[in-house]
Amino acid sequence: MDRAIFPGLVLALAFGVAMAGIMGRPDWFLLAALASLALALLRRSPPLLWLAAFFAGLLLWQPSPVPKATKAQIPLLREITGSVKDIPEPHPKTTSFAVRPSGLDGDLLVYLRTETPWQVELGPGDLVRLSGEGELLKPGGWGEYLKRRGIVGLFWADGAEVLEQGGFSVLRLAGKLRAGLLARLYAAVPKQGAELLAALLFGTRGLLPEEEKAAFRTAGVAHLLALSGLHLSILTATVWWLLGLMRLRPGARYLVLLPLSWGYVLLAGARISLVRAAIMLSVFGLFWLLWEWGLVLRRWYDPLQGLSVAALFVILIWPWSPLDTGFQLSFLATFSILYLWPGWGHSPLRARLSRPGRWIADILATSAFAQAGTLPIVGSTFGYISPYGLVANLLLIPWTGLILWAGLFLLIISPFSWAPSIGHFLHRVVVSPYLYAVEGLASLPGAALPVGEGFGLWCLCCALGILLLRAAQEEI
């Protein structure tokens, strides 16, 4: 029970935030939160503490409706002036970024039409004048997601004029660096290869054609396009190995690795799954340093507590995040791997395998655990599941690592005149076959199995039953 106190606390907080976003927040929740907290402290009861966290989550955030006056204004907009709030995201024919226009109650998501979206020279803090037309958000789905982030409408811009450049900021520096690296990729690799490399390295999956993204979803490997712990671990493992060649001890490597990891998070747009992975890496790195200094015991470290710390920070930064599908998929996948891995890691079957067989089995097991944890969300969101996901991940996860290394290599050699020759070769040998493999897996019979509306709820009930049974076994 002691091990579950903090994870249960964070889970209750997340559930409370999600419920507030769905059903609103009555005034009596504050009294209920205080009463639950008082009883929890008085009786030292974890369930009462979790109940207090649930009510605190209900109080933490509530979506604000778009004012009627703002709704009336948006379709009439033909020109706006405001500050860019985030790093522009490139798409096939547009670049998107949030702007807070003067005279409007809320932010607009701007889509700037351009033939070279990866070369738009705008950054956070720039004061811009945009000409185009406004559009109201559509109800449900994407529109609700934007509302939770404070976006009240869209603006399709045909032109942009920078009135005043923003001052220095880390976010602005990351945006300029990413734009320069994207331009180098497009100069060194054919367009199709540059789109995939940009998606896998920097998370700009909006550049990919819709049919390619659909193929990744159908094949059960859409997570490869969503920057997460997988991508961060591949890149950090490379840096870790290079630092090892310099004979640095692990603690010193973490001191170098953690700032680089957070720099990469900013470079890739500070996506929830990446922030989660970076926080977990930071918790482990700091714990390792304390262990090297003799301040903690190594057996005190618990990965589930690190995951809970990451969830807590993400919820405090973005209170709306528990309602986001990306948040749910990222944390459920990681929780499932951490929760189920010890049973596999200490199994006699794994111990009897040869080293290559164990490596293959570990990839299969990790993929199976992650897919089992995310099955309810995937089935409910997309309306189907991908039975070939295990095989696809066994093939494509190592291949994704190879592509990431190829992309880093191309960025390093991009200043040289012979870089495009290497880029075209890597595109033909590594990138293009990768896309063909994804499309081939997606086109297999039964690649997408439809599921009913109650599939997600049924899976969650089964998972809850398994967790309760396992908790009861541990108590015995």
Protein backbone atom coordinates (compact mmCIF):
# COMPACT_ATOMS: atom_id res chain seq x y z
CA MET A 1 0.00 0.00 0.00
CA ASP A 2 2.84 2.43 0.83
CA ARG A 3 4.26 2.07 -2.69
CA ALA A 4 0.86 2.95 -4.18
CA ILE A 5 0.20 6.10 -2.14
CA PHE A 6 1.86 8.65 -4.42
CA PRO A 7 0.83 7.02 -7.75
CA GLY A 8 -2.73 6.75 -6.45
CA LEU A 9 -2.62 10.39 -5.41
CA VAL A 10 -1.56 11.53 -8.88
CA LEU A 11 -4.08 9.22 -10.58
CA ALA A 12 -6.89 10.64 -8.44
CA LEU A 13 -5.77 14.18 -9.25
CA ALA A 14 -5.74 13.41 -13.00
CA PHE A 15 -9.16 11.77 -12.81
CA GLY A 16 -10.54 14.82 -10.98
CA VAL A 17 -9.18 17.18 -13.65
CA ALA A 18 -10.71 15.04 -16.40
CA MET A 19 -14.10 14.94 -14.66
CA ALA A 20 -14.07 18.72 -14.19
CA GLY A 21 -13.44 19.14 -17.91
CA ILE A 22 -16.40 16.90 -18.72
CA MET A 23 -19.08 17.84 -16.18
CA GLY A 24 -18.01 21.20 -14.73
CA ARG A 25 -17.19 22.22 -11.17
CA PRO A 26 -19.92 22.77 -8.51
CA ASP A 27 -19.09 25.14 -5.65
CA TRP A 28 -19.32 22.46 -2.95
CA PHE A 29 -16.20 20.69 -4.29
CA LEU A 30 -13.94 23.00 -2.27
CA LEU A 31 -15.66 22.01 0.97
CA ALA A 32 -15.49 18.33 -0.01
CA ALA A 33 -11.77 18.62 -0.78
CA LEU A 34 -11.01 20.23 2.60
CA ALA A 35 -13.14 17.73 4.50
CA SER A 36 -11.51 14.76 2.75
CA LEU A 37 -8.04 16.13 3.41
CA ALA A 38 -8.84 16.69 7.10
CA LEU A 39 -10.19 13.14 7.50
CA ALA A 40 -7.19 11.70 5.62
CA LEU A 41 -4.73 13.45 7.93
CA LEU A 42 -6.76 12.54 11.02
CA ARG A 43 -7.12 8.83 10.18
CA ARG A 44 -3.92 8.51 8.11
CA SER A 45 -5.98 6.84 5.41
CA PRO A 46 -4.56 6.62 1.83
CA PRO A 47 -8.04 6.16 0.24
CA LEU A 48 -9.24 9.36 1.91
CA LEU A 49 -6.08 11.11 0.72
CA TRP A 50 -6.84 9.93 -2.82
CA LEU A 51 -10.39 11.24 -2.46
CA ALA A 52 -9.01 14.63 -1.40
CA ALA A 53 -6.73 14.61 -4.46
CA PHE A 54 -9.72 13.83 -6.67
CA PHE A 55 -11.61 16.87 -5.34
CA ALA A 56 -8.44 18.97 -5.70
CA GLY A 57 -8.31 17.91 -9.35
CA LEU A 58 -11.89 19.07 -9.80
CA LEU A 59 -10.80 22.47 -8.52
CA LEU A 60 -7.55 22.66 -10.50
CA TRP A 61 -9.01 23.40 -13.93
CA GLN A 62 -12.26 23.96 -15.77
CA PRO A 63 -12.65 24.80 -19.48
CA SER A 64 -13.87 28.31 -20.25
CA PRO A 65 -16.59 28.70 -22.89
CA VAL A 66 -15.86 30.97 -25.84
CA PRO A 67 -17.69 34.29 -25.27
CA LYS A 68 -20.58 34.98 -27.66
CA ALA A 69 -19.04 38.31 -28.70
CA THR A 70 -15.81 36.52 -29.66
CA LYS A 71 -17.73 33.94 -31.69
CA ALA A 72 -19.40 36.76 -33.59
CA GLN A 73 -16.06 38.49 -34.26
CA ILE A 74 -14.01 35.57 -35.55
CA PRO A 75 -15.77 34.94 -38.93
CA LEU A 76 -15.51 38.68 -39.72
CA LEU A 77 -11.74 38.91 -39.18
CA ARG A 78 -9.70 39.85 -42.25
CA GLU A 79 -6.61 41.22 -40.56
CA ILE A 80 -5.11 40.68 -37.11
CA THR A 81 -2.10 41.99 -35.19
CA GLY A 82 -0.62 40.07 -32.30
CA SER A 83 2.36 38.25 -30.80
CA VAL A 84 3.44 34.75 -31.81
CA LYS A 85 3.17 32.52 -28.74
CA ASP A 86 4.92 29.30 -29.73
CA ILE A 87 7.31 27.69 -32.20
CA PRO A 88 5.67 27.44 -35.67
CA GLU A 89 4.69 23.92 -36.72
CA PRO A 90 5.13 23.11 -40.45
CA HIS A 91 2.45 21.29 -42.49
CA PRO A 92 2.41 20.36 -46.21
CA LYS A 93 1.13 23.76 -47.40
CA THR A 94 0.92 25.82 -44.21
CA THR A 95 2.71 26.69 -40.99
CA SER A 96 0.67 26.91 -37.78
CA PHE A 97 1.28 28.93 -34.61
CA ALA A 98 -0.80 30.54 -31.86
CA VAL A 99 -1.32 34.31 -31.77
CA ARG A 100 -3.02 36.51 -29.18
CA PRO A 101 -4.64 39.25 -31.33
CA SER A 102 -5.29 42.66 -29.90
CA GLY A 103 -8.96 43.28 -29.19
CA LEU A 104 -9.92 39.58 -29.03
CA ASP A 105 -10.66 37.58 -25.90
CA GLY A 106 -8.55 34.47 -26.54
CA ASP A 107 -5.87 33.07 -28.82
CA LEU A 108 -6.17 32.16 -32.49
CA LEU A 109 -4.45 29.24 -34.16
CA VAL A 110 -3.00 30.70 -37.35
CA TYR A 111 -2.38 28.67 -40.50
CA LEU A 112 -0.02 30.66 -42.71
CA ARG A 113 -0.16 29.47 -46.32
CA THR A 114 3.30 28.93 -47.79
CA GLU A 115 5.08 26.66 -50.27
CA THR A 116 8.09 26.21 -47.95
CA PRO A 117 6.58 25.76 -44.45
CA TRP A 118 9.88 24.59 -42.94
CA GLN A 119 11.52 27.93 -43.84
CA VAL A 120 9.06 30.38 -42.23
CA GLU A 121 11.15 32.85 -40.22
CA LEU A 122 8.83 33.57 -37.33
CA GLY A 123 9.48 32.95 -33.66
CA PRO A 124 7.86 33.28 -30.24
CA GLY A 125 7.53 36.91 -29.22
CA ASP A 126 7.40 38.35 -32.77
CA LEU A 127 4.73 41.01 -33.27
CA VAL A 128 3.08 40.22 -36.62
CA ARG A 129 0.35 41.58 -38.86
CA LEU A 130 -1.57 38.87 -40.72
CA SER A 131 -4.12 39.14 -43.52
CA GLY A 132 -6.62 36.37 -44.29
CA GLU A 133 -9.91 35.12 -42.91
CA GLY A 134 -11.15 33.83 -39.55
CA GLU A 135 -12.96 30.55 -38.91
CA LEU A 136 -14.86 29.20 -35.90
CA LEU A 137 -13.77 25.96 -34.26
CA LYS A 138 -15.79 22.90 -35.20
CA PRO A 139 -17.49 21.12 -32.27
CA GLY A 140 -15.93 17.96 -30.84
CA GLY A 141 -12.57 16.29 -31.43
CA TRP A 142 -9.90 18.72 -32.60
CA GLY A 143 -12.03 21.76 -31.78
CA GLU A 144 -12.47 20.70 -28.14
CA TYR A 145 -8.74 20.03 -27.84
CA LEU A 146 -7.96 23.55 -29.04
CA LYS A 147 -10.51 25.08 -26.67
CA ARG A 148 -8.85 23.37 -23.73
CA ARG A 149 -5.58 25.06 -24.74
CA GLY A 150 -7.24 28.48 -24.80
CA ILE A 151 -7.67 28.66 -28.61
CA VAL A 152 -10.98 30.31 -29.55
CA GLY A 153 -10.75 30.16 -33.35
CA LEU A 154 -8.68 29.67 -36.50
CA PHE A 155 -7.18 32.23 -38.86
CA TRP A 156 -6.12 31.29 -42.39
CA ALA A 157 -3.42 33.79 -43.33
CA ASP A 158 -2.23 34.56 -46.86
CA GLY A 159 0.60 36.83 -45.74
CA ALA A 160 2.55 37.86 -42.66
CA GLU A 161 4.44 41.05 -41.85
CA VAL A 162 6.80 41.15 -38.87
CA LEU A 163 6.29 44.50 -37.15
CA GLU A 164 8.71 43.87 -34.31
CA GLN A 165 11.00 40.96 -33.55
CA GLY A 166 10.78 39.37 -30.13
CA GLY A 167 13.59 39.54 -27.62
CA PHE A 168 15.90 36.71 -26.68
CA SER A 169 14.29 33.64 -25.13
CA VAL A 170 15.18 29.96 -24.91
CA LEU A 171 12.00 29.06 -26.80
CA ARG A 172 12.81 31.51 -29.59
CA LEU A 173 16.34 30.15 -29.84
CA ALA A 174 14.98 26.58 -30.05
CA GLY A 175 12.58 27.63 -32.82
CA LYS A 176 15.32 29.23 -34.90
CA LEU A 177 17.60 26.23 -34.41
CA ARG A 178 14.85 23.81 -35.46
CA ALA A 179 14.02 25.84 -38.56
CA GLY A 180 17.70 25.81 -39.57
CA LEU A 181 17.99 22.04 -39.02
CA LEU A 182 14.80 21.38 -41.01
CA ALA A 183 16.17 23.45 -43.89
CA ARG A 184 19.37 21.37 -43.82
CA LEU A 185 17.38 18.14 -43.96
CA TYR A 186 15.39 19.29 -46.97
CA ALA A 187 18.60 20.34 -48.71
CA ALA A 188 20.31 16.98 -48.08
CA VAL A 189 17.48 14.45 -48.58
CA PRO A 190 14.64 14.01 -51.13
CA LYS A 191 11.34 15.49 -49.98
CA GLN A 192 9.76 12.20 -48.88
CA GLY A 193 12.81 11.27 -46.82
CA ALA A 194 13.11 14.74 -45.30
CA GLU A 195 9.46 14.58 -44.18
CA LEU A 196 10.01 11.29 -42.35
CA LEU A 197 13.33 12.35 -40.82
CA ALA A 198 11.79 15.62 -39.64
CA ALA A 199 8.88 13.73 -38.06
CA LEU A 200 11.10 11.21 -36.27
CA LEU A 201 13.75 13.70 -35.14
CA PHE A 202 11.71 16.84 -34.38
CA GLY A 203 8.10 15.67 -34.18
CA THR A 204 6.95 17.65 -37.24
CA ARG A 205 4.64 14.85 -38.38
CA GLY A 206 2.30 17.44 -39.89
CA LEU A 207 4.65 17.46 -42.88
CA LEU A 208 3.82 13.84 -43.68
CA PRO A 209 1.05 13.12 -46.21
CA GLU A 210 -2.19 11.97 -44.60
CA GLU A 211 -2.02 8.54 -46.27
CA GLU A 212 1.39 7.86 -44.70
CA LYS A 213 0.14 8.78 -41.23
CA ALA A 214 -2.90 6.54 -41.78
CA ALA A 215 -0.57 3.65 -42.73
CA PHE A 216 1.37 4.05 -39.46
CA ARG A 217 -1.92 3.96 -37.50
CA THR A 218 -3.24 0.90 -39.33
CA ALA A 219 0.04 -0.99 -38.92
CA GLY A 220 -0.06 -0.34 -35.16
CA VAL A 221 3.09 1.80 -35.08
CA ALA A 222 1.64 5.32 -34.89
CA HIS A 223 3.62 5.82 -31.67
CA LEU A 224 6.80 5.93 -33.74
CA LEU A 225 5.65 9.29 -35.14
CA ALA A 226 4.84 10.68 -31.68
CA LEU A 227 8.11 11.72 -30.05
CA SER A 228 8.34 9.93 -26.71
CA GLY A 229 10.65 8.02 -24.43
CA LEU A 230 11.56 5.69 -27.29
CA HIS A 231 13.08 8.50 -29.35
CA LEU A 232 14.67 10.19 -26.35
CA SER A 233 16.18 6.91 -25.14
CA ILE A 234 17.69 6.15 -28.57
CA LEU A 235 19.27 9.59 -28.79
CA THR A 236 20.43 9.71 -25.17
CA ALA A 237 21.87 6.20 -25.44
CA THR A 238 23.99 7.45 -28.34
CA VAL A 239 25.27 10.39 -26.29
CA TRP A 240 25.79 8.08 -23.29
CA TRP A 241 27.97 5.79 -25.40
CA LEU A 242 30.01 8.72 -26.72
CA LEU A 243 30.54 10.05 -23.20
CA GLY A 244 31.61 6.55 -22.16
CA LEU A 245 34.37 6.69 -24.75
CA MET A 246 35.64 9.74 -22.85
CA ARG A 247 35.89 7.64 -19.66
CA LEU A 248 33.33 9.71 -17.76
CA ARG A 249 31.67 8.06 -14.76
CA PRO A 250 27.84 7.65 -14.90
CA GLY A 251 27.14 10.61 -12.61
CA ALA A 252 29.19 12.96 -14.77
CA ARG A 253 27.45 11.63 -17.88
CA TYR A 254 24.06 12.49 -16.38
CA LEU A 255 25.25 16.04 -15.68
CA VAL A 256 25.94 16.37 -19.41
CA LEU A 257 22.97 14.34 -20.60
CA LEU A 258 20.15 16.05 -18.68
CA PRO A 259 20.67 19.59 -20.10
CA LEU A 260 20.99 18.11 -23.60
CA SER A 261 17.78 16.12 -23.08
CA TRP A 262 15.80 19.19 -22.02
CA GLY A 263 17.25 21.14 -24.92
CA TYR A 264 15.97 18.43 -27.26
CA VAL A 265 12.54 18.61 -25.58
CA LEU A 266 12.33 22.33 -26.36
CA LEU A 267 13.66 21.77 -29.88
CA ALA A 268 10.89 19.24 -30.53
CA GLY A 269 8.12 21.49 -29.24
CA ALA A 270 7.84 20.35 -25.58
CA ARG A 271 5.32 17.61 -26.34
CA ILE A 272 3.70 15.88 -23.38
CA SER A 273 5.23 12.45 -24.08
CA LEU A 274 8.71 13.97 -24.40
CA VAL A 275 8.31 16.06 -21.24
CA ARG A 276 7.21 12.92 -19.40
CA ALA A 277 10.28 11.01 -20.59
CA ALA A 278 12.64 13.88 -19.76
CA ILE A 279 11.24 14.23 -16.23
CA MET A 280 11.64 10.50 -15.61
CA LEU A 281 15.21 10.64 -16.92
CA SER A 282 15.91 13.65 -14.70
CA VAL A 283 14.51 11.91 -11.61
CA PHE A 284 16.65 8.85 -12.28
CA GLY A 285 19.73 10.93 -13.09
CA LEU A 286 19.43 12.98 -9.91
CA PHE A 287 18.82 9.84 -7.88
CA TRP A 288 21.96 8.27 -9.38
CA LEU A 289 24.00 11.33 -8.42
CA LEU A 290 22.70 11.15 -4.85
CA TRP A 291 23.55 7.44 -4.78
CA GLU A 292 27.09 8.13 -5.99
CA TRP A 293 27.45 10.70 -3.22
CA GLY A 294 26.23 8.12 -0.65
CA LEU A 295 23.05 10.02 0.26
CA VAL A 296 20.52 7.37 -0.80
CA LEU A 297 20.37 3.59 -1.22
CA ARG A 298 20.05 2.23 -4.73
CA ARG A 299 17.10 -0.01 -3.77
CA TRP A 300 15.07 3.06 -2.84
CA TYR A 301 14.54 4.00 -6.47
CA ASP A 302 11.11 3.07 -7.82
CA PRO A 303 10.34 3.81 -11.51
CA LEU A 304 6.60 4.05 -10.78
CA GLN A 305 7.29 6.92 -8.40
CA GLY A 306 9.31 8.62 -11.15
CA LEU A 307 6.38 8.18 -13.54
CA SER A 308 4.07 9.69 -10.92
CA VAL A 309 6.37 12.70 -10.49
CA ALA A 310 6.31 13.20 -14.26
CA ALA A 311 2.49 13.00 -14.33
CA LEU A 312 2.18 15.48 -11.48
CA PHE A 313 4.45 18.03 -13.19
CA VAL A 314 2.66 17.65 -16.53
CA ILE A 315 -0.76 18.16 -14.88
CA LEU A 316 0.46 21.26 -13.03
CA ILE A 317 1.96 22.72 -16.24
CA TRP A 318 -1.02 21.80 -18.47
CA PRO A 319 -4.06 21.18 -16.24
CA TRP A 320 -6.13 20.13 -19.27
CA SER A 321 -3.68 17.33 -20.20
CA PRO A 322 -5.53 14.35 -18.58
CA LEU A 323 -8.24 14.82 -21.23
CA ASP A 324 -5.64 14.68 -24.01
CA THR A 325 -5.28 11.37 -25.86
CA GLY A 326 -1.51 11.84 -26.09
CA PHE A 327 -1.25 12.13 -22.29
CA GLN A 328 -3.35 9.01 -21.77
CA LEU A 329 -1.43 6.92 -24.32
CA SER A 330 1.99 8.03 -23.08
CA PHE A 331 1.37 7.41 -19.40
CA LEU A 332 -0.65 4.22 -19.83
CA ALA A 333 2.01 2.70 -22.10
CA THR A 334 4.82 3.59 -19.69
CA PHE A 335 2.86 2.40 -16.64
CA SER A 336 2.10 -0.93 -18.30
CA ILE A 337 5.76 -1.49 -19.18
CA LEU A 338 6.97 -0.62 -15.67
CA TYR A 339 4.23 -2.64 -13.97
CA LEU A 340 4.49 -5.79 -16.10
CA TRP A 341 8.22 -5.87 -16.86
CA PRO A 342 9.41 -7.35 -13.50
CA GLY A 343 7.30 -10.46 -14.11
CA TRP A 344 8.99 -10.99 -17.47
CA GLY A 345 12.44 -9.78 -16.45
CA HIS A 346 12.73 -12.39 -13.68
CA SER A 347 10.97 -15.23 -15.52
CA PRO A 348 12.79 -18.57 -16.02
CA LEU A 349 11.88 -18.52 -19.72
CA ARG A 350 13.82 -15.28 -20.30
CA ALA A 351 16.80 -16.60 -18.37
CA ARG A 352 17.03 -19.65 -20.64
CA LEU A 353 17.14 -17.62 -23.85
CA SER A 354 20.36 -16.84 -25.70
CA ARG A 355 21.45 -13.20 -25.87
CA PRO A 356 20.01 -12.56 -29.39
CA GLY A 357 16.83 -14.43 -28.47
CA ARG A 358 16.51 -12.44 -25.25
CA TRP A 359 16.95 -9.17 -27.17
CA ILE A 360 14.15 -10.10 -29.59
CA ALA A 361 11.93 -11.36 -26.77
CA ASP A 362 12.49 -8.14 -24.78
CA ILE A 363 11.35 -6.01 -27.73
CA LEU A 364 8.28 -8.20 -28.17
CA ALA A 365 7.49 -8.11 -24.45
CA THR A 366 7.91 -4.34 -24.18
CA SER A 367 5.75 -3.81 -27.25
CA ALA A 368 3.10 -6.21 -25.92
CA PHE A 369 3.01 -4.49 -22.51
CA ALA A 370 2.68 -1.02 -24.09
CA GLN A 371 -0.03 -2.17 -26.49
CA ALA A 372 -1.95 -3.92 -23.71
CA GLY A 373 -1.94 -0.72 -21.67
CA THR A 374 -3.06 1.52 -24.50
CA LEU A 375 -5.57 -0.89 -26.07
CA PRO A 376 -8.67 0.76 -24.50
CA ILE A 377 -7.67 4.25 -25.67
CA VAL A 378 -6.60 3.14 -29.15
CA GLY A 379 -9.78 1.14 -29.70
CA SER A 380 -12.04 3.92 -28.42
CA THR A 381 -10.25 6.71 -30.33
CA PHE A 382 -9.76 5.07 -33.73
CA GLY A 383 -12.54 2.46 -33.65
CA TYR A 384 -10.16 -0.39 -34.49
CA ILE A 385 -7.12 -2.27 -33.19
CA SER A 386 -4.02 -3.44 -35.07
CA PRO A 387 -3.27 -7.16 -34.50
CA TYR A 388 0.04 -6.95 -36.41
CA GLY A 389 1.44 -4.35 -34.03
CA LEU A 390 3.77 -6.80 -32.26
CA VAL A 391 5.44 -7.93 -35.47
CA ALA A 392 5.53 -4.39 -36.82
CA ASN A 393 7.26 -3.09 -33.70
CA LEU A 394 9.78 -5.93 -33.71
CA LEU A 395 10.77 -4.89 -37.22
CA LEU A 396 10.39 -1.12 -37.08
CA ILE A 397 11.69 -0.10 -33.63
CA PRO A 398 15.33 -1.04 -34.41
CA TRP A 399 14.84 0.40 -37.90
CA THR A 400 13.60 3.66 -36.37
CA GLY A 401 16.79 3.84 -34.32
CA LEU A 402 18.82 3.38 -37.50
CA ILE A 403 16.90 6.21 -39.19
CA LEU A 404 17.44 8.51 -36.21
CA TRP A 405 21.17 7.88 -36.35
CA ALA A 406 21.12 8.43 -40.12
CA GLY A 407 19.32 11.75 -39.61
CA LEU A 408 21.83 12.91 -36.99
CA PHE A 409 24.69 11.93 -39.30
CA LEU A 410 23.15 13.90 -42.18
CA LEU A 411 22.73 16.98 -39.98
CA ILE A 412 26.40 16.77 -38.98
CA ILE A 413 27.67 16.50 -42.58
CA SER A 414 25.05 18.87 -44.08
CA PRO A 415 27.50 21.83 -44.46
CA PHE A 416 29.58 19.82 -46.95
CA SER A 417 28.81 19.83 -50.68
CA TRP A 418 28.76 16.02 -50.85
CA ALA A 419 26.05 15.69 -48.17
CA PRO A 420 23.15 15.42 -50.73
CA SER A 421 24.85 12.40 -52.33
CA ILE A 422 24.95 10.63 -48.95
CA GLY A 423 21.39 11.79 -48.25
CA HIS A 424 20.05 10.32 -51.50
CA PHE A 425 21.86 7.04 -50.79
CA LEU A 426 20.43 6.78 -47.25
CA HIS A 427 16.99 7.64 -48.60
CA ARG A 428 17.11 4.76 -51.09
CA VAL A 429 18.67 2.23 -48.70
CA VAL A 430 17.11 3.09 -45.30
CA VAL A 431 14.21 5.56 -45.45
CA SER A 432 12.28 4.53 -48.55
CA PRO A 433 12.21 0.78 -47.65
CA TYR A 434 11.01 1.78 -44.15
CA LEU A 435 7.98 3.54 -45.63
CA TYR A 436 7.32 0.62 -47.95
CA ALA A 437 7.42 -1.74 -44.96
CA VAL A 438 4.86 0.38 -43.07
CA GLU A 439 2.57 0.53 -46.09
CA GLY A 440 2.95 -3.21 -46.65
CA LEU A 441 2.03 -4.04 -43.04
CA ALA A 442 -0.94 -1.67 -43.21
CA SER A 443 -2.23 -3.35 -46.39
CA LEU A 444 -2.22 -6.90 -44.97
CA PRO A 445 -5.64 -8.56 -44.56
CA GLY A 446 -7.05 -7.90 -41.10
CA ALA A 447 -4.55 -5.14 -40.33
CA ALA A 448 -7.35 -3.05 -38.81
CA LEU A 449 -9.98 -4.95 -36.78
CA PRO A 450 -13.07 -2.82 -35.97
CA VAL A 451 -14.24 -2.74 -32.34
CA GLY A 452 -17.53 -1.73 -30.73
CA GLU A 453 -18.32 1.43 -28.77
CA GLY A 454 -17.99 -0.26 -25.38
CA PHE A 455 -14.59 -1.78 -26.14
CA GLY A 456 -12.56 0.76 -24.18
CA LEU A 457 -14.76 0.52 -21.06
CA TRP A 458 -14.66 -3.27 -21.19
CA CYS A 459 -10.85 -3.26 -21.39
CA LEU A 460 -10.53 -0.79 -18.51
CA CYS A 461 -12.81 -2.93 -16.30
CA CYS A 462 -10.67 -6.00 -17.08
CA ALA A 463 -7.48 -4.06 -16.31
CA LEU A 464 -8.92 -2.81 -13.01
CA GLY A 465 -9.84 -6.36 -12.04
CA ILE A 466 -6.30 -7.59 -12.79
CA LEU A 467 -4.77 -4.74 -10.75
CA LEU A 468 -7.05 -5.47 -7.79
CA LEU A 469 -6.23 -9.19 -7.89
CA ARG A 470 -2.50 -8.46 -8.04
CA ALA A 471 -2.79 -5.98 -5.14
CA ALA A 472 -4.62 -8.62 -3.11
CA GLN A 473 -1.87 -11.17 -3.85
CA GLU A 474 0.81 -8.72 -2.72
CA GLU A 475 -1.06 -8.08 0.54
CA ILE A 476 -1.16 -11.83 1.20
